[in-house]
């Protein structure tokens, strides 16, 4: 089960990237932008193989909750493959839920392995405003 605080943080990160999508010419989805920001910083920390392992486990857990992710895979370099095709085949609400679940699973696993403080530091480095808002005081991780 994903802690509520982690799911909320995933929603905020995706929403922040969706806002940037409207103000920039980028064509990739908010999910891919959030995922890539996490991938780049975590690959520096844990290496490509370490990140790929974490992302693969997060995706496996997310697929159990969000069948819209069934065609998505983690490539050998840690990137996501198959997301755009899956999103086009799903209805918008279901795809949106899958995005939140995947990012929340990734953040939740990261917190389990390296702790809440270091996980929050990674988030704050990539999204300074979103990370500060996560101090809920309820013991749930970003």
N, C-alpha and C. Protein backbone atom coordinates (compact mmCIF):
# COMPACT_ATOMS: atom_id res chain seq x y z
N UNK A 1 0.83 -1.18 0.00
CA UNK A 1 0.00 0.00 0.00
C UNK A 1 0.88 1.25 0.00
N UNK A 2 0.56 2.18 -0.84
CA UNK A 2 1.32 3.41 -0.94
C UNK A 2 0.80 4.39 0.12
N UNK A 3 1.70 4.93 0.96
CA UNK A 3 1.25 5.92 1.95
C UNK A 3 0.61 7.13 1.25
N UNK A 4 -0.39 7.69 1.89
CA UNK A 4 -1.12 8.82 1.31
C UNK A 4 -0.19 10.00 1.00
N UNK A 5 0.75 10.29 1.88
CA UNK A 5 1.69 11.39 1.66
C UNK A 5 2.53 11.18 0.41
N UNK A 6 2.90 9.95 0.15
CA UNK A 6 3.70 9.63 -1.03
C UNK A 6 2.86 9.81 -2.29
N UNK A 7 1.64 9.35 -2.25
CA UNK A 7 0.74 9.50 -3.40
C UNK A 7 0.46 10.99 -3.67
N UNK A 8 0.27 11.76 -2.60
CA UNK A 8 0.03 13.19 -2.76
C UNK A 8 1.24 13.89 -3.38
N UNK A 9 2.43 13.52 -2.94
CA UNK A 9 3.63 14.12 -3.51
C UNK A 9 3.75 13.76 -4.99
N UNK A 10 3.47 12.53 -5.34
CA UNK A 10 3.51 12.12 -6.75
C UNK A 10 2.54 12.96 -7.58
N UNK A 11 1.34 13.18 -7.05
CA UNK A 11 0.36 14.03 -7.75
C UNK A 11 0.88 15.45 -7.94
N UNK A 12 1.50 16.00 -6.89
CA UNK A 12 2.03 17.38 -6.98
C UNK A 12 3.14 17.48 -8.02
N UNK A 13 4.03 16.50 -8.05
CA UNK A 13 5.12 16.53 -9.02
C UNK A 13 4.58 16.44 -10.44
N UNK A 14 3.62 15.56 -10.66
CA UNK A 14 3.01 15.42 -11.98
C UNK A 14 2.26 16.68 -12.37
N UNK A 15 1.57 17.29 -11.41
CA UNK A 15 0.83 18.53 -11.69
C UNK A 15 1.79 19.66 -12.03
N UNK A 16 2.90 19.74 -11.32
CA UNK A 16 3.89 20.78 -11.61
C UNK A 16 4.45 20.62 -13.02
N UNK A 17 4.75 19.40 -13.40
CA UNK A 17 5.27 19.17 -14.75
C UNK A 17 4.20 19.40 -15.81
N UNK A 18 2.94 19.12 -15.48
CA UNK A 18 1.85 19.38 -16.43
C UNK A 18 1.70 20.87 -16.67
N UNK A 19 1.89 21.68 -15.64
CA UNK A 19 1.83 23.13 -15.80
C UNK A 19 2.95 23.60 -16.71
N UNK A 20 4.15 23.05 -16.50
CA UNK A 20 5.28 23.41 -17.37
C UNK A 20 5.03 22.99 -18.81
N UNK A 21 4.28 21.91 -18.98
CA UNK A 21 3.95 21.43 -20.32
C UNK A 21 3.17 22.48 -21.10
N UNK A 22 2.31 23.22 -20.40
CA UNK A 22 1.50 24.23 -21.06
C UNK A 22 2.31 25.47 -21.42
N UNK A 23 3.46 25.66 -20.76
CA UNK A 23 4.25 26.86 -20.99
C UNK A 23 5.52 26.59 -21.79
N UNK A 24 5.73 25.36 -22.23
CA UNK A 24 6.93 25.06 -23.01
C UNK A 24 6.57 24.20 -24.20
N UNK A 25 7.46 24.17 -25.20
CA UNK A 25 7.18 23.39 -26.40
C UNK A 25 7.47 21.90 -26.28
N UNK A 26 7.78 21.41 -25.09
CA UNK A 26 8.11 20.00 -24.90
C UNK A 26 6.90 19.12 -25.23
N UNK A 27 7.18 17.97 -25.79
CA UNK A 27 6.08 17.10 -26.20
C UNK A 27 5.94 15.86 -25.32
N UNK A 28 6.87 15.58 -24.44
CA UNK A 28 6.74 14.38 -23.62
C UNK A 28 5.77 14.63 -22.47
N UNK A 29 5.20 13.56 -21.98
CA UNK A 29 4.18 13.66 -20.93
C UNK A 29 4.80 14.10 -19.60
N UNK A 30 3.94 14.54 -18.70
CA UNK A 30 4.38 14.92 -17.36
C UNK A 30 5.02 13.72 -16.66
N UNK A 31 4.47 12.53 -16.85
CA UNK A 31 5.05 11.34 -16.24
C UNK A 31 6.49 11.16 -16.70
N UNK A 32 6.73 11.25 -17.98
CA UNK A 32 8.09 11.04 -18.48
C UNK A 32 9.05 12.11 -17.97
N UNK A 33 8.58 13.34 -17.84
CA UNK A 33 9.45 14.40 -17.32
C UNK A 33 9.78 14.17 -15.84
N UNK A 34 8.78 13.81 -15.03
CA UNK A 34 9.02 13.51 -13.62
C UNK A 34 9.96 12.32 -13.50
N UNK A 35 9.66 11.28 -14.23
CA UNK A 35 10.47 10.06 -14.19
C UNK A 35 11.91 10.35 -14.59
N UNK A 36 12.10 11.12 -15.65
CA UNK A 36 13.45 11.43 -16.13
C UNK A 36 14.23 12.28 -15.13
N UNK A 37 13.59 13.22 -14.48
CA UNK A 37 14.28 14.01 -13.46
C UNK A 37 14.76 13.11 -12.32
N UNK A 38 13.89 12.20 -11.90
CA UNK A 38 14.28 11.26 -10.85
C UNK A 38 15.38 10.32 -11.35
N UNK A 39 15.23 9.85 -12.57
CA UNK A 39 16.22 8.92 -13.12
C UNK A 39 17.61 9.54 -13.16
N UNK A 40 17.70 10.76 -13.65
CA UNK A 40 19.02 11.39 -13.77
C UNK A 40 19.68 11.56 -12.41
N UNK A 41 18.96 12.04 -11.44
CA UNK A 41 19.60 12.26 -10.14
C UNK A 41 19.87 10.94 -9.43
N UNK A 42 18.99 9.97 -9.58
CA UNK A 42 19.21 8.69 -8.90
C UNK A 42 20.27 7.84 -9.58
N UNK A 43 20.44 7.98 -10.87
CA UNK A 43 21.52 7.25 -11.56
C UNK A 43 22.88 7.74 -11.07
N UNK A 44 22.99 9.03 -10.77
CA UNK A 44 24.24 9.55 -10.21
C UNK A 44 24.47 8.94 -8.84
N UNK A 45 23.42 8.80 -8.07
CA UNK A 45 23.51 8.28 -6.71
C UNK A 45 23.72 6.76 -6.68
N UNK A 46 22.92 6.02 -7.45
CA UNK A 46 22.91 4.55 -7.34
C UNK A 46 23.42 3.83 -8.58
N UNK A 47 23.73 4.57 -9.62
CA UNK A 47 24.15 3.95 -10.88
C UNK A 47 22.94 3.54 -11.71
N UNK A 48 23.19 3.29 -12.97
CA UNK A 48 22.10 2.92 -13.88
C UNK A 48 21.46 1.61 -13.46
N UNK A 49 22.29 0.63 -13.12
CA UNK A 49 21.74 -0.68 -12.73
C UNK A 49 20.91 -0.57 -11.45
N UNK A 50 21.37 0.22 -10.50
CA UNK A 50 20.63 0.40 -9.26
C UNK A 50 19.29 1.07 -9.50
N UNK A 51 19.31 2.13 -10.33
CA UNK A 51 18.05 2.80 -10.64
C UNK A 51 17.12 1.88 -11.41
N UNK A 52 17.65 1.18 -12.41
CA UNK A 52 16.82 0.29 -13.22
C UNK A 52 16.15 -0.77 -12.35
N UNK A 53 16.87 -1.31 -11.39
CA UNK A 53 16.31 -2.30 -10.49
C UNK A 53 15.17 -1.70 -9.66
N UNK A 54 15.39 -0.52 -9.12
CA UNK A 54 14.36 0.17 -8.34
C UNK A 54 13.14 0.49 -9.20
N UNK A 55 13.38 1.01 -10.39
CA UNK A 55 12.28 1.39 -11.29
C UNK A 55 11.50 0.16 -11.76
N UNK A 56 12.20 -0.94 -12.02
CA UNK A 56 11.52 -2.16 -12.44
C UNK A 56 10.59 -2.70 -11.35
N UNK A 57 11.07 -2.65 -10.13
CA UNK A 57 10.23 -3.11 -9.01
C UNK A 57 9.04 -2.18 -8.83
N UNK A 58 9.28 -0.86 -8.92
CA UNK A 58 8.18 0.11 -8.79
C UNK A 58 7.14 -0.12 -9.88
N UNK A 59 7.59 -0.38 -11.09
CA UNK A 59 6.67 -0.62 -12.20
C UNK A 59 5.87 -1.90 -11.98
N UNK A 60 6.52 -2.94 -11.51
CA UNK A 60 5.81 -4.20 -11.22
C UNK A 60 4.72 -3.98 -10.18
N UNK A 61 5.04 -3.25 -9.12
CA UNK A 61 4.04 -2.96 -8.09
C UNK A 61 2.93 -2.07 -8.64
N UNK A 62 3.29 -1.10 -9.45
CA UNK A 62 2.30 -0.18 -10.02
C UNK A 62 1.36 -0.89 -10.98
N UNK A 63 1.86 -1.85 -11.75
CA UNK A 63 1.02 -2.58 -12.71
C UNK A 63 -0.08 -3.35 -12.00
N UNK A 64 0.19 -3.81 -10.79
CA UNK A 64 -0.83 -4.55 -10.04
C UNK A 64 -2.01 -3.65 -9.68
N UNK A 65 -1.74 -2.36 -9.50
CA UNK A 65 -2.79 -1.42 -9.13
C UNK A 65 -3.35 -0.66 -10.33
N UNK A 66 -2.55 -0.51 -11.36
CA UNK A 66 -2.95 0.28 -12.53
C UNK A 66 -2.69 -0.50 -13.81
N UNK A 67 -3.68 -1.30 -14.25
CA UNK A 67 -3.51 -2.11 -15.46
C UNK A 67 -3.19 -1.30 -16.71
N UNK A 68 -3.44 0.01 -16.69
CA UNK A 68 -3.11 0.84 -17.85
C UNK A 68 -1.61 0.86 -18.12
N UNK A 69 -0.80 0.42 -17.18
CA UNK A 69 0.65 0.39 -17.34
C UNK A 69 1.15 -0.94 -17.90
N UNK A 70 0.26 -1.83 -18.29
CA UNK A 70 0.66 -3.18 -18.69
C UNK A 70 1.67 -3.21 -19.84
N UNK A 71 1.63 -2.26 -20.75
CA UNK A 71 2.56 -2.25 -21.87
C UNK A 71 3.85 -1.50 -21.61
N UNK A 72 4.01 -0.95 -20.42
CA UNK A 72 5.19 -0.15 -20.10
C UNK A 72 6.30 -1.07 -19.60
N UNK A 73 7.54 -0.74 -19.99
CA UNK A 73 8.71 -1.51 -19.56
C UNK A 73 9.83 -0.55 -19.20
N UNK A 74 10.74 -1.02 -18.36
CA UNK A 74 11.94 -0.25 -18.04
C UNK A 74 13.06 -0.80 -18.91
N UNK A 75 13.66 0.06 -19.72
CA UNK A 75 14.74 -0.34 -20.62
C UNK A 75 16.04 -0.54 -19.84
N UNK A 76 17.04 -1.09 -20.50
CA UNK A 76 18.31 -1.37 -19.84
C UNK A 76 19.01 -0.11 -19.32
N UNK A 77 18.72 1.05 -19.92
CA UNK A 77 19.31 2.30 -19.44
C UNK A 77 18.43 2.98 -18.39
N UNK A 78 17.32 2.34 -18.02
CA UNK A 78 16.43 2.87 -16.99
C UNK A 78 15.29 3.72 -17.51
N UNK A 79 15.27 4.00 -18.81
CA UNK A 79 14.18 4.80 -19.36
C UNK A 79 12.90 3.98 -19.45
N UNK A 80 11.76 4.67 -19.52
CA UNK A 80 10.48 4.00 -19.69
C UNK A 80 10.20 3.83 -21.17
N UNK A 81 9.72 2.66 -21.54
CA UNK A 81 9.33 2.41 -22.92
C UNK A 81 7.88 1.92 -22.93
N UNK A 82 7.14 2.36 -23.96
CA UNK A 82 5.78 1.89 -24.15
C UNK A 82 4.73 2.73 -23.47
N UNK A 83 5.12 3.79 -22.79
CA UNK A 83 4.12 4.58 -22.08
C UNK A 83 3.18 5.31 -23.02
N UNK A 84 3.68 5.95 -24.04
CA UNK A 84 2.82 6.72 -24.94
C UNK A 84 1.76 5.85 -25.61
N UNK A 85 2.17 4.67 -26.04
CA UNK A 85 1.21 3.77 -26.68
C UNK A 85 0.14 3.33 -25.69
N UNK A 86 0.55 3.04 -24.47
CA UNK A 86 -0.40 2.62 -23.44
C UNK A 86 -1.37 3.75 -23.14
N UNK A 87 -0.84 4.96 -23.01
CA UNK A 87 -1.69 6.09 -22.67
C UNK A 87 -2.74 6.33 -23.75
N UNK A 88 -2.38 6.16 -25.01
CA UNK A 88 -3.34 6.36 -26.09
C UNK A 88 -4.44 5.31 -26.06
N UNK A 89 -4.15 4.12 -25.59
CA UNK A 89 -5.13 3.04 -25.58
C UNK A 89 -6.04 3.11 -24.35
N UNK A 90 -5.62 3.81 -23.32
CA UNK A 90 -6.41 3.90 -22.09
C UNK A 90 -7.25 5.15 -22.09
N UNK A 91 -8.28 5.14 -21.27
CA UNK A 91 -8.99 6.40 -21.11
C UNK A 91 -8.14 7.31 -20.23
N UNK A 92 -8.36 8.60 -20.33
CA UNK A 92 -7.50 9.59 -19.68
C UNK A 92 -7.43 9.42 -18.17
N UNK A 93 -8.53 9.16 -17.51
CA UNK A 93 -8.54 9.01 -16.05
C UNK A 93 -7.69 7.83 -15.62
N UNK A 94 -7.84 6.71 -16.29
CA UNK A 94 -7.09 5.51 -15.93
C UNK A 94 -5.59 5.73 -16.15
N UNK A 95 -5.20 6.37 -17.25
CA UNK A 95 -3.79 6.63 -17.50
C UNK A 95 -3.24 7.57 -16.44
N UNK A 96 -4.00 8.59 -16.06
CA UNK A 96 -3.57 9.52 -15.02
C UNK A 96 -3.33 8.83 -13.70
N UNK A 97 -4.21 7.90 -13.33
CA UNK A 97 -4.03 7.14 -12.10
C UNK A 97 -2.76 6.30 -12.16
N UNK A 98 -2.50 5.71 -13.31
CA UNK A 98 -1.29 4.91 -13.49
C UNK A 98 -0.03 5.75 -13.31
N UNK A 99 -0.06 6.98 -13.79
CA UNK A 99 1.09 7.87 -13.64
C UNK A 99 1.37 8.12 -12.17
N UNK A 100 0.33 8.46 -11.41
CA UNK A 100 0.48 8.73 -9.98
C UNK A 100 0.99 7.49 -9.26
N UNK A 101 0.42 6.35 -9.56
CA UNK A 101 0.80 5.11 -8.89
C UNK A 101 2.27 4.78 -9.17
N UNK A 102 2.70 4.92 -10.40
CA UNK A 102 4.09 4.59 -10.74
C UNK A 102 5.07 5.51 -10.00
N UNK A 103 4.84 6.81 -10.05
CA UNK A 103 5.75 7.73 -9.37
C UNK A 103 5.69 7.52 -7.86
N UNK A 104 4.51 7.28 -7.31
CA UNK A 104 4.38 7.03 -5.87
C UNK A 104 5.12 5.76 -5.47
N UNK A 105 5.02 4.72 -6.28
CA UNK A 105 5.75 3.48 -5.97
C UNK A 105 7.25 3.71 -6.01
N UNK A 106 7.70 4.45 -6.99
CA UNK A 106 9.13 4.74 -7.11
C UNK A 106 9.62 5.52 -5.88
N UNK A 107 8.88 6.55 -5.50
CA UNK A 107 9.25 7.34 -4.32
C UNK A 107 9.17 6.51 -3.04
N UNK A 108 8.14 5.68 -2.94
CA UNK A 108 7.98 4.84 -1.76
C UNK A 108 9.11 3.83 -1.59
N UNK A 109 9.50 3.19 -2.68
CA UNK A 109 10.62 2.24 -2.61
C UNK A 109 11.92 2.96 -2.29
N UNK A 110 12.11 4.09 -2.91
CA UNK A 110 13.32 4.86 -2.64
C UNK A 110 13.40 5.22 -1.16
N UNK A 111 12.29 5.65 -0.61
CA UNK A 111 12.25 6.00 0.81
C UNK A 111 12.55 4.79 1.70
N UNK A 112 12.05 3.63 1.30
CA UNK A 112 12.31 2.41 2.06
C UNK A 112 13.80 2.09 2.09
N UNK A 113 14.47 2.29 0.96
CA UNK A 113 15.88 1.91 0.86
C UNK A 113 16.85 2.96 1.38
N UNK A 114 16.57 4.24 1.18
CA UNK A 114 17.54 5.26 1.57
C UNK A 114 17.01 6.19 2.66
N UNK A 115 15.76 6.06 3.01
CA UNK A 115 15.19 6.88 4.07
C UNK A 115 14.41 8.07 3.53
N UNK A 116 13.52 8.56 4.36
CA UNK A 116 12.64 9.66 3.99
C UNK A 116 13.40 10.95 3.73
N UNK A 117 14.38 11.26 4.58
CA UNK A 117 15.12 12.52 4.45
C UNK A 117 15.88 12.61 3.14
N UNK A 118 16.60 11.56 2.80
CA UNK A 118 17.37 11.57 1.55
C UNK A 118 16.45 11.55 0.33
N UNK A 119 15.35 10.83 0.42
CA UNK A 119 14.37 10.83 -0.68
C UNK A 119 13.83 12.23 -0.88
N UNK A 120 13.47 12.88 0.19
CA UNK A 120 12.95 14.24 0.11
C UNK A 120 14.00 15.20 -0.45
N UNK A 121 15.26 14.97 -0.13
CA UNK A 121 16.33 15.81 -0.68
C UNK A 121 16.39 15.67 -2.21
N UNK A 122 16.27 14.45 -2.72
CA UNK A 122 16.25 14.25 -4.18
C UNK A 122 15.08 15.01 -4.81
N UNK A 123 13.93 14.94 -4.17
CA UNK A 123 12.74 15.64 -4.67
C UNK A 123 12.97 17.15 -4.63
N UNK A 124 13.50 17.65 -3.53
CA UNK A 124 13.73 19.09 -3.39
C UNK A 124 14.76 19.60 -4.39
N UNK A 125 15.75 18.79 -4.73
CA UNK A 125 16.73 19.21 -5.72
C UNK A 125 16.08 19.42 -7.08
N UNK A 126 15.16 18.55 -7.45
CA UNK A 126 14.52 18.65 -8.76
C UNK A 126 13.32 19.58 -8.77
N UNK A 127 12.59 19.63 -7.65
CA UNK A 127 11.37 20.46 -7.53
C UNK A 127 11.42 21.18 -6.19
N UNK A 128 12.12 22.29 -6.09
CA UNK A 128 12.27 22.96 -4.80
C UNK A 128 10.94 23.28 -4.09
N UNK A 129 9.94 23.72 -4.79
CA UNK A 129 8.67 24.06 -4.16
C UNK A 129 7.88 22.83 -3.71
N UNK A 130 7.85 21.80 -4.53
CA UNK A 130 7.08 20.59 -4.20
C UNK A 130 7.65 19.88 -2.98
N UNK A 131 8.95 19.83 -2.86
CA UNK A 131 9.57 19.15 -1.73
C UNK A 131 9.26 19.83 -0.41
N UNK A 132 9.22 21.16 -0.38
CA UNK A 132 8.94 21.89 0.85
C UNK A 132 7.52 21.67 1.32
N UNK A 133 6.59 21.48 0.39
CA UNK A 133 5.19 21.29 0.76
C UNK A 133 4.92 19.95 1.40
N UNK A 134 5.87 19.01 1.33
CA UNK A 134 5.61 17.66 1.81
C UNK A 134 5.78 17.47 3.30
N UNK A 135 6.08 18.47 4.06
CA UNK A 135 6.27 18.30 5.48
C UNK A 135 4.91 18.19 6.18
N UNK A 136 4.31 17.02 6.08
CA UNK A 136 2.97 16.81 6.61
C UNK A 136 2.96 16.49 8.08
N UNK A 137 4.08 16.01 8.61
CA UNK A 137 4.15 15.69 10.03
C UNK A 137 3.43 14.41 10.39
N UNK A 138 2.94 13.65 9.42
CA UNK A 138 2.21 12.43 9.75
C UNK A 138 3.07 11.18 9.62
N UNK A 139 4.37 11.38 9.38
CA UNK A 139 5.27 10.22 9.31
C UNK A 139 5.25 9.53 7.98
N UNK A 140 4.49 10.01 7.01
CA UNK A 140 4.50 9.38 5.71
C UNK A 140 5.54 10.03 4.84
N UNK A 141 6.10 9.24 3.98
CA UNK A 141 7.19 9.67 3.14
C UNK A 141 6.70 10.29 1.86
N UNK A 142 7.55 11.15 1.37
CA UNK A 142 7.32 11.70 0.04
C UNK A 142 7.52 10.63 -0.97
